[in-house]
Protein backbone atom coordinates (compact mmCIF):
# COMPACT_ATOMS: atom_id res chain seq x y z
CA MET A 1 -79.87 8.83 169.19
CA LEU A 2 -83.65 8.65 168.83
CA ARG A 3 -83.59 4.98 169.81
CA ALA A 4 -81.57 5.75 172.96
CA PHE A 5 -84.03 8.52 173.86
CA ALA A 6 -87.01 6.15 173.43
CA LEU A 7 -85.31 3.51 175.58
CA SER A 8 -84.58 6.11 178.28
CA ALA A 9 -88.20 7.27 178.24
CA CYS A 10 -89.43 3.67 178.61
CA LEU A 11 -87.08 2.99 181.53
CA LEU A 12 -88.10 6.22 183.23
CA ALA A 13 -91.80 5.38 182.84
CA PHE A 14 -91.20 1.88 184.22
CA ALA A 15 -89.24 3.18 187.20
CA SER A 16 -91.98 5.66 188.16
CA ALA A 17 -94.84 3.17 187.74
CA PRO A 18 -96.44 1.87 190.95
CA ALA A 19 -95.94 -1.72 192.01
CA LEU A 20 -98.09 -4.17 190.11
CA ALA A 21 -101.08 -5.63 191.89
CA GLY A 22 -101.24 -9.33 192.54
CA LEU A 23 -98.60 -12.05 192.37
CA TRP A 24 -98.60 -15.76 191.62
CA PHE A 25 -95.81 -17.52 193.51
CA ASP A 26 -94.58 -21.04 194.20
CA ILE A 27 -94.79 -22.12 197.84
CA GLY A 28 -92.81 -25.27 197.00
CA GLY A 29 -89.88 -23.37 195.55
CA GLY A 30 -88.08 -22.81 198.85
CA THR A 31 -87.39 -19.13 198.19
CA PRO A 32 -88.74 -16.16 200.17
CA VAL A 33 -91.38 -14.07 198.41
CA THR A 34 -92.61 -10.53 198.98
CA VAL A 35 -96.01 -9.44 197.65
CA TYR A 36 -96.34 -5.66 197.20
CA ALA A 37 -99.51 -3.54 197.22
CA ASN A 38 -100.95 -2.07 194.04
CA THR A 39 -99.68 1.47 194.64
CA THR A 40 -96.66 1.32 196.94
CA ILE A 41 -93.69 -0.83 197.84
CA ASP A 42 -94.07 0.30 201.46
CA THR A 43 -97.13 -1.94 201.90
CA ARG A 44 -96.31 -5.61 201.54
CA GLU A 45 -96.43 -9.15 202.91
CA HIS A 46 -93.25 -11.20 203.16
CA TYR A 47 -93.32 -15.01 203.08
CA ALA A 48 -90.34 -17.03 204.35
CA PRO A 49 -89.28 -20.19 202.45
CA TYR A 50 -91.92 -22.95 202.72
CA PRO A 51 -94.41 -20.82 204.68
CA PHE A 52 -97.08 -23.54 204.53
CA GLY A 53 -94.71 -26.43 205.22
CA PRO A 54 -93.28 -28.80 202.61
CA PHE A 55 -95.06 -28.61 199.26
CA PRO A 56 -93.87 -29.88 195.89
CA LEU A 57 -92.28 -27.51 193.40
CA GLY A 58 -94.99 -25.90 191.26
CA SER A 59 -97.52 -25.40 194.09
CA LEU A 60 -98.82 -22.01 193.01
CA VAL A 61 -100.78 -19.52 195.10
CA TYR A 62 -101.97 -15.99 194.35
CA GLU A 63 -102.08 -12.89 196.54
CA ASP A 64 -103.24 -9.37 195.85
CA ILE A 65 -102.89 -6.44 198.26
CA SER A 66 -104.78 -3.28 197.34
CA VAL A 67 -104.84 0.12 198.97
CA THR A 68 -108.61 0.62 199.23
CA PRO A 69 -110.95 3.56 199.94
CA CYS A 70 -112.90 3.29 203.18
CA GLU A 71 -116.29 2.83 201.51
CA GLN A 72 -115.03 -0.27 199.65
CA LEU A 73 -113.98 -2.07 202.83
CA GLY A 74 -116.37 -4.59 204.37
CA ASN A 75 -118.58 -3.42 207.22
CA SER A 76 -117.11 0.08 206.96
CA THR A 77 -119.94 1.81 208.85
CA GLY A 78 -118.28 3.68 211.67
CA LEU A 79 -114.83 3.61 210.02
CA CYS A 80 -115.21 6.30 207.41
CA GLY A 81 -114.73 9.94 208.29
CA GLU A 82 -112.17 12.66 207.74
CA THR A 83 -111.05 12.61 211.36
CA LEU A 84 -111.01 8.82 211.71
CA PHE A 85 -109.98 6.89 208.58
CA ILE A 86 -106.41 7.25 207.29
CA ARG A 87 -105.88 4.31 204.88
CA GLY A 88 -107.40 0.90 204.12
CA PHE A 89 -106.06 -2.34 202.66
CA HIS A 90 -107.80 -5.29 201.00
CA CYS A 91 -105.83 -8.56 200.81
CA VAL A 92 -106.99 -11.56 198.76
CA PHE A 93 -105.19 -14.90 198.93
CA SER A 94 -106.09 -17.90 196.78
CA GLY A 95 -104.49 -21.22 197.67
CA VAL A 96 -107.11 -23.60 196.31
CA SER A 97 -104.92 -25.04 193.56
CA CYS A 98 -102.04 -25.90 195.93
CA GLY A 99 -104.13 -27.49 198.66
CA CYS A 100 -102.40 -25.47 201.39
CA GLN A 101 -105.72 -24.06 202.67
CA GLY A 102 -103.92 -20.90 203.84
CA ALA A 103 -102.68 -22.41 207.12
CA LEU A 104 -99.22 -20.98 207.82
CA HIS A 105 -96.41 -23.00 209.39
CA VAL A 106 -94.10 -19.98 209.38
CA PRO A 107 -95.59 -16.51 210.14
CA THR A 108 -95.49 -13.81 207.49
CA THR A 109 -94.44 -10.22 208.08
CA MET A 110 -96.89 -7.56 206.92
CA GLN A 111 -96.19 -3.86 206.58
CA PHE A 112 -98.77 -1.12 205.95
CA ASN A 113 -97.87 2.46 205.14
CA TYR A 114 -99.76 5.73 205.50
CA ASP A 115 -99.36 9.34 204.44
CA PRO A 116 -98.40 11.61 207.36
CA LEU A 117 -100.08 14.56 205.59
CA VAL A 118 -103.43 12.73 205.77
CA VAL A 119 -102.88 12.25 209.51
CA LEU A 120 -102.08 15.96 209.88
CA ALA A 121 -105.17 16.94 207.86
CA ALA A 122 -107.30 14.77 210.19
CA GLY A 123 -105.99 16.77 213.15
CA ALA A 124 -104.40 13.65 214.64
CA GLN A 125 -100.94 12.66 215.80
CA GLU A 126 -99.08 9.74 214.26
CA ALA A 127 -98.24 8.31 217.69
CA ASN A 128 -101.96 7.76 218.33
CA LEU A 129 -102.74 5.80 215.15
CA LYS A 130 -104.31 2.34 215.41
CA LEU A 131 -104.28 -0.65 213.04
CA LEU A 132 -107.51 -2.64 212.81
CA PHE A 133 -108.30 -5.96 211.14
CA ARG A 134 -111.35 -7.73 209.74
CA ASP A 135 -111.78 -10.91 207.69
CA GLU A 136 -114.74 -12.77 206.18
CA ASP A 137 -115.51 -14.45 209.51
CA LEU A 138 -115.59 -11.26 211.61
CA GLN A 139 -118.54 -8.86 211.74
CA ASN A 140 -116.67 -6.12 213.58
CA TRP A 141 -113.24 -4.61 213.13
CA GLN A 142 -110.67 -5.62 215.76
CA LEU A 143 -107.58 -3.85 217.02
CA VAL A 144 -104.32 -5.58 216.01
CA PRO A 145 -102.71 -5.70 219.46
CA ASP A 146 -99.09 -6.37 218.48
CA ALA A 147 -98.84 -3.88 215.61
CA VAL A 148 -95.58 -1.93 215.70
CA LEU A 149 -95.93 1.71 214.66
CA ASP A 150 -92.89 3.42 213.12
CA THR A 151 -93.60 7.16 212.91
CA GLN A 152 -90.29 7.78 211.09
CA ALA A 153 -91.07 5.34 208.26
CA HIS A 154 -94.86 5.99 208.52
CA THR A 155 -95.65 2.28 208.71
CA PHE A 156 -97.24 -0.41 210.85
CA THR A 157 -95.53 -3.83 210.94
CA ILE A 158 -97.14 -7.03 212.19
CA THR A 159 -96.29 -10.70 212.37
CA TRP A 160 -99.16 -12.68 210.84
CA ASN A 161 -99.63 -16.26 212.03
CA ARG A 162 -103.33 -16.73 211.34
CA ASN A 163 -104.83 -18.24 208.20
CA VAL A 164 -104.31 -16.18 205.02
CA LEU A 165 -106.90 -17.85 202.74
CA GLY A 166 -109.66 -15.60 201.39
CA ILE A 167 -110.07 -11.93 202.23
CA ARG A 168 -108.32 -10.00 204.99
CA GLU A 169 -108.81 -6.26 205.42
CA PHE A 170 -106.86 -3.73 207.46
CA ALA A 171 -107.49 -0.08 208.29
CA ILE A 172 -105.33 2.60 209.85
CA LEU A 173 -107.42 4.91 212.05
CA THR A 174 -106.81 7.90 214.26
CA GLN A 175 -108.62 6.24 217.17
CA ASP A 176 -110.28 3.01 218.27
CA VAL A 177 -113.65 2.05 216.84
CA THR A 178 -116.24 0.93 219.37
CA PRO A 179 -118.62 -1.54 217.76
CA VAL A 180 -122.28 -0.55 218.11
CA ALA A 181 -124.81 -3.35 218.57
CA ALA A 182 -127.56 -3.48 215.95
CA GLY A 183 -130.29 -2.92 218.59
CA THR A 184 -128.60 0.28 219.74
CA TRP A 185 -129.14 1.95 216.35
CA GLY A 186 -132.91 1.49 216.73
CA GLN A 187 -132.85 3.16 220.15
CA ILE A 188 -130.79 6.06 218.76
CA LYS A 189 -133.34 6.54 215.94
CA VAL A 190 -136.21 6.58 218.45
CA LEU A 191 -134.46 9.22 220.56
CA TYR A 192 -133.68 11.27 217.46
CA ARG A 193 -137.33 11.31 216.38
CA ARG A 194 -138.44 12.72 219.75
């Protein structure tokens, strides 16, 4: 009886645990793979079989998707604020050992979720949310133009056909972010001092 209770407690703890962060997977295995975020199964990236073209069995790659606070995202100035930032995501892909260089032959499908209560607390409406993207090569955040918003499931879904190697970051915001040129900040400071 005690053993059955302990087993039940372990299974219950496992079932309520969030998805594990990071996944090694074989791009030469010919099977589809889904990588889940560190805290939710509603944020994920799905790879079709042979997403990088034909590779031999045992060609391992690693991906980690983390739900990330605004301040930990790159170049987050202008993103963070109670009435602007809803949720951020940090994706790391390592394909050095396989030689695939992150160049996709078959697009992936990415899904990002958000909490509708956070949107409500920001005084925003879900229908007006935006998904933005930034990687190591971009200074400014860019709007993801083909992102599909599902206000019933509280998710954005995109088809990703760009390179996946390195770091990609995404943010769900209540409105667009207009990049401010570095020289403009100096002019604002001068005006403020007057």
